């Protein structure tokens, strides 16, 4: 406190300006890191969705192939064979798509840490002024 009394108002404002500048830079850095983490999570979830969609399409393509080949190879009728393979591929693809979309919905896509620190910073700047007026 004694150190503050020995400094001029200009020096105090210069230091305040420098501190606010550092704070803003740190907030921007935090926001960047948080958004990068969110983007990586989105990419992983989108991969599940893409794989599921490809498998579902493969299920439809499998229907065509199995109508002529699987029945002969397994000794089943072509219709029964293609139905089994097609159902399996569609179920697997559907499960992957549902897992990906469910996980994506569960993710927070808002930079919550940055928002909280900005709120905290706002409280810090409001508190001393409020305390000084009430004293």
C-alpha atoms as a PDB file:
ATOM      1  CA  UNK A   1       0.000   0.000   0.000  1.00  0.00           C
ATOM      2  CA  UNK A   2       2.885   2.347   0.866  1.00  0.00           C
ATOM      3  CA  UNK A   3       4.313   1.720  -2.624  1.00  0.00           C
ATOM      4  CA  UNK A   4       1.055   2.961  -4.204  1.00  0.00           C
ATOM      5  CA  UNK A   5       1.225   6.275  -2.317  1.00  0.00           C
ATOM      6  CA  UNK A   6       4.727   7.000  -3.618  1.00  0.00           C
ATOM      7  CA  UNK A   7       3.693   6.653  -7.272  1.00  0.00           C
ATOM      8  CA  UNK A   8       2.042   9.240  -9.431  1.00  0.00           C
ATOM      9  CA  UNK A   9      -1.459   8.875 -10.841  1.00  0.00           C
ATOM     10  CA  UNK A  10       0.051   8.598 -14.326  1.00  0.00           C
ATOM     11  CA  UNK A  11       2.255   5.703 -13.251  1.00  0.00           C
ATOM     12  CA  UNK A  12      -0.709   3.932 -11.687  1.00  0.00           C
ATOM     13  CA  UNK A  13      -2.791   4.358 -14.855  1.00  0.00           C
ATOM     14  CA  UNK A  14       0.117   3.140 -16.994  1.00  0.00           C
ATOM     15  CA  UNK A  15       0.438   0.029 -14.841  1.00  0.00           C
ATOM     16  CA  UNK A  16      -3.335  -0.493 -14.887  1.00  0.00           C
ATOM     17  CA  UNK A  17      -3.351  -0.183 -18.675  1.00  0.00           C
ATOM     18  CA  UNK A  18      -0.505  -2.697 -18.964  1.00  0.00           C
ATOM     19  CA  UNK A  19      -2.249  -5.129 -16.579  1.00  0.00           C
ATOM     20  CA  UNK A  20      -5.557  -4.847 -18.447  1.00  0.00           C
ATOM     21  CA  UNK A  21      -3.717  -5.460 -21.723  1.00  0.00           C
ATOM     22  CA  UNK A  22      -2.080  -8.615 -20.307  1.00  0.00           C
ATOM     23  CA  UNK A  23      -5.453  -9.745 -18.949  1.00  0.00           C
ATOM     24  CA  UNK A  24      -7.137  -9.285 -22.326  1.00  0.00           C
ATOM     25  CA  UNK A  25      -4.336 -11.178 -24.090  1.00  0.00           C
ATOM     26  CA  UNK A  26      -4.651 -14.043 -21.594  1.00  0.00           C
ATOM     27  CA  UNK A  27      -8.444 -14.129 -22.058  1.00  0.00           C
ATOM     28  CA  UNK A  28      -7.986 -14.318 -25.835  1.00  0.00           C
ATOM     29  CA  UNK A  29      -5.430 -17.111 -25.406  1.00  0.00           C
ATOM     30  CA  UNK A  30      -7.842 -19.017 -23.144  1.00  0.00           C
ATOM     31  CA  UNK A  31     -10.664 -18.584 -25.661  1.00  0.00           C
ATOM     32  CA  UNK A  32      -8.418 -19.867 -28.465  1.00  0.00           C
ATOM     33  CA  UNK A  33      -7.401 -22.942 -26.490  1.00  0.00           C
ATOM     34  CA  UNK A  34     -10.977 -23.671 -25.480  1.00  0.00           C
ATOM     35  CA  UNK A  35     -12.321 -23.282 -29.013  1.00  0.00           C
ATOM     36  CA  UNK A  36      -9.523 -25.532 -30.314  1.00  0.00           C
ATOM     37  CA  UNK A  37     -10.523 -28.223 -27.821  1.00  0.00           C
ATOM     38  CA  UNK A  38     -14.171 -27.887 -28.880  1.00  0.00           C
ATOM     39  CA  UNK A  39     -13.220 -28.124 -32.581  1.00  0.00           C
ATOM     40  CA  UNK A  40     -11.219 -31.307 -31.929  1.00  0.00           C
ATOM     41  CA  UNK A  41     -14.182 -32.838 -30.095  1.00  0.00           C
ATOM     42  CA  UNK A  42     -16.509 -31.926 -32.957  1.00  0.00           C
ATOM     43  CA  UNK A  43     -14.130 -33.553 -35.436  1.00  0.00           C
ATOM     44  CA  UNK A  44     -14.038 -36.798 -33.424  1.00  0.00           C
ATOM     45  CA  UNK A  45     -17.844 -36.907 -33.144  1.00  0.00           C
ATOM     46  CA  UNK A  46     -18.269 -36.128 -36.837  1.00  0.00           C
ATOM     47  CA  UNK A  47     -15.994 -39.081 -37.608  1.00  0.00           C
ATOM     48  CA  UNK A  48     -18.418 -41.435 -35.826  1.00  0.00           C
ATOM     49  CA  UNK A  49     -21.299 -39.966 -37.797  1.00  0.00           C
ATOM     50  CA  UNK A  50     -19.418 -40.314 -41.091  1.00  0.00           C
ATOM     51  CA  UNK A  51     -18.397 -43.916 -40.397  1.00  0.00           C
ATOM     52  CA  UNK A  52     -21.969 -44.769 -39.436  1.00  0.00           C
ATOM     53  CA  UNK A  53     -23.334 -43.158 -42.567  1.00  0.00           C
ATOM     54  CA  UNK A  54     -20.850 -45.022 -44.770  1.00  0.00           C
ATOM     55  CA  UNK A  55     -21.790 -48.318 -43.141  1.00  0.00           C
ATOM     56  CA  UNK A  56     -25.471 -47.579 -43.639  1.00  0.00           C
ATOM     57  CA  UNK A  57     -24.841 -46.916 -47.342  1.00  0.00           C
ATOM     58  CA  UNK A  58     -22.757 -50.093 -47.484  1.00  0.00           C
ATOM     59  CA  UNK A  59     -25.810 -51.862 -46.103  1.00  0.00           C
ATOM     60  CA  UNK A  60     -27.857 -50.667 -49.019  1.00  0.00           C
ATOM     61  CA  UNK A  61     -25.146 -51.662 -51.481  1.00  0.00           C
ATOM     62  CA  UNK A  62     -24.881 -54.974 -49.718  1.00  0.00           C
ATOM     63  CA  UNK A  63     -28.549 -55.576 -50.454  1.00  0.00           C
ATOM     64  CA  UNK A  64     -27.842 -55.603 -54.165  1.00  0.00           C
ATOM     65  CA  UNK A  65     -24.760 -57.820 -53.919  1.00  0.00           C
ATOM     66  CA  UNK A  66     -26.267 -60.275 -51.491  1.00  0.00           C
ATOM     67  CA  UNK A  67     -29.408 -60.788 -53.557  1.00  0.00           C
ATOM     68  CA  UNK A  68     -27.329 -62.671 -56.100  1.00  0.00           C
ATOM     69  CA  UNK A  69     -24.264 -64.018 -54.248  1.00  0.00           C
ATOM     70  CA  UNK A  70     -24.839 -64.646 -50.532  1.00  0.00           C
ATOM     71  CA  UNK A  71     -27.769 -66.995 -50.932  1.00  0.00           C
ATOM     72  CA  UNK A  72     -25.774 -69.223 -53.219  1.00  0.00           C
ATOM     73  CA  UNK A  73     -22.645 -69.172 -50.995  1.00  0.00           C
ATOM     74  CA  UNK A  74     -24.481 -69.954 -47.738  1.00  0.00           C
ATOM     75  CA  UNK A  75     -26.978 -72.336 -49.192  1.00  0.00           C
ATOM     76  CA  UNK A  76     -29.876 -70.066 -48.251  1.00  0.00           C
ATOM     77  CA  UNK A  77     -32.327 -68.582 -50.594  1.00  0.00           C
ATOM     78  CA  UNK A  78     -31.079 -65.323 -52.112  1.00  0.00           C
ATOM     79  CA  UNK A  79     -33.873 -63.399 -50.413  1.00  0.00           C
ATOM     80  CA  UNK A  80     -33.169 -64.694 -46.880  1.00  0.00           C
ATOM     81  CA  UNK A  81     -29.436 -64.204 -47.258  1.00  0.00           C
ATOM     82  CA  UNK A  82     -29.668 -60.628 -48.499  1.00  0.00           C
ATOM     83  CA  UNK A  83     -32.125 -59.742 -45.747  1.00  0.00           C
ATOM     84  CA  UNK A  84     -29.755 -60.960 -43.007  1.00  0.00           C
ATOM     85  CA  UNK A  85     -26.663 -59.137 -44.340  1.00  0.00           C
ATOM     86  CA  UNK A  86     -28.569 -55.959 -45.104  1.00  0.00           C
ATOM     87  CA  UNK A  87     -30.192 -55.850 -41.678  1.00  0.00           C
ATOM     88  CA  UNK A  88     -26.821 -56.358 -39.975  1.00  0.00           C
ATOM     89  CA  UNK A  89     -25.115 -53.539 -41.889  1.00  0.00           C
ATOM     90  CA  UNK A  90     -27.993 -51.118 -41.333  1.00  0.00           C
ATOM     91  CA  UNK A  91     -28.099 -51.896 -37.594  1.00  0.00           C
ATOM     92  CA  UNK A  92     -24.325 -51.384 -37.170  1.00  0.00           C
ATOM     93  CA  UNK A  93     -24.415 -48.146 -39.184  1.00  0.00           C
ATOM     94  CA  UNK A  94     -27.439 -46.905 -37.270  1.00  0.00           C
ATOM     95  CA  UNK A  95     -25.813 -47.619 -33.902  1.00  0.00           C
ATOM     96  CA  UNK A  96     -22.669 -45.679 -34.896  1.00  0.00           C
ATOM     97  CA  UNK A  97     -24.675 -42.717 -36.158  1.00  0.00           C
ATOM     98  CA  UNK A  98     -26.744 -42.662 -32.954  1.00  0.00           C
ATOM     99  CA  UNK A  99     -23.598 -42.861 -30.790  1.00  0.00           C
ATOM    100  CA  UNK A 100     -21.972 -39.996 -32.660  1.00  0.00           C
ATOM    101  CA  UNK A 101     -25.011 -37.728 -32.587  1.00  0.00           C
ATOM    102  CA  UNK A 102     -25.716 -38.538 -28.934  1.00  0.00           C
ATOM    103  CA  UNK A 103     -22.137 -37.729 -27.929  1.00  0.00           C
ATOM    104  CA  UNK A 104     -22.257 -34.546 -29.997  1.00  0.00           C
ATOM    105  CA  UNK A 105     -25.413 -33.366 -28.230  1.00  0.00           C
ATOM    106  CA  UNK A 106     -23.795 -34.040 -24.847  1.00  0.00           C
ATOM    107  CA  UNK A 107     -20.802 -31.796 -25.624  1.00  0.00           C
ATOM    108  CA  UNK A 108     -20.754 -28.198 -24.495  1.00  0.00           C
ATOM    109  CA  UNK A 109     -20.050 -26.096 -27.560  1.00  0.00           C
ATOM    110  CA  UNK A 110     -19.716 -22.874 -25.590  1.00  0.00           C
ATOM    111  CA  UNK A 111     -16.353 -21.618 -24.258  1.00  0.00           C
ATOM    112  CA  UNK A 112     -17.554 -21.864 -20.629  1.00  0.00           C
ATOM    113  CA  UNK A 113     -14.158 -21.281 -18.996  1.00  0.00           C
ATOM    114  CA  UNK A 114     -13.648 -18.058 -20.940  1.00  0.00           C
ATOM    115  CA  UNK A 115     -17.151 -16.830 -20.129  1.00  0.00           C
ATOM    116  CA  UNK A 116     -16.635 -17.569 -16.427  1.00  0.00           C
ATOM    117  CA  UNK A 117     -13.278 -15.765 -16.275  1.00  0.00           C
ATOM    118  CA  UNK A 118     -14.770 -12.781 -18.092  1.00  0.00           C
ATOM    119  CA  UNK A 119     -17.569 -12.687 -15.509  1.00  0.00           C
ATOM    120  CA  UNK A 120     -15.022 -12.982 -12.700  1.00  0.00           C
ATOM    121  CA  UNK A 121     -12.932 -10.201 -14.232  1.00  0.00           C
ATOM    122  CA  UNK A 122     -15.995  -7.980 -14.456  1.00  0.00           C
ATOM    123  CA  UNK A 123     -16.716  -8.634 -10.775  1.00  0.00           C
ATOM    124  CA  UNK A 124     -13.139  -7.688  -9.858  1.00  0.00           C
ATOM    125  CA  UNK A 125     -13.443  -4.355 -11.648  1.00  0.00           C
ATOM    126  CA  UNK A 126     -16.852  -3.663 -10.098  1.00  0.00           C
ATOM    127  CA  UNK A 127     -15.995  -4.664  -6.519  1.00  0.00           C
ATOM    128  CA  UNK A 128     -13.376  -2.009  -5.589  1.00  0.00           C
ATOM    129  CA  UNK A 129     -15.526   0.807  -6.975  1.00  0.00           C
ATOM    130  CA  UNK A 130     -18.534  -0.452  -5.036  1.00  0.00           C
ATOM    131  CA  UNK A 131     -16.476  -0.834  -1.846  1.00  0.00           C
ATOM    132  CA  UNK A 132     -15.004   2.665  -2.186  1.00  0.00           C
ATOM    133  CA  UNK A 133     -18.433   4.301  -2.542  1.00  0.00           C
ATOM    134  CA  UNK A 134     -19.929   2.428   0.417  1.00  0.00           C
ATOM    135  CA  UNK A 135     -17.035   3.319   2.785  1.00  0.00           C
END
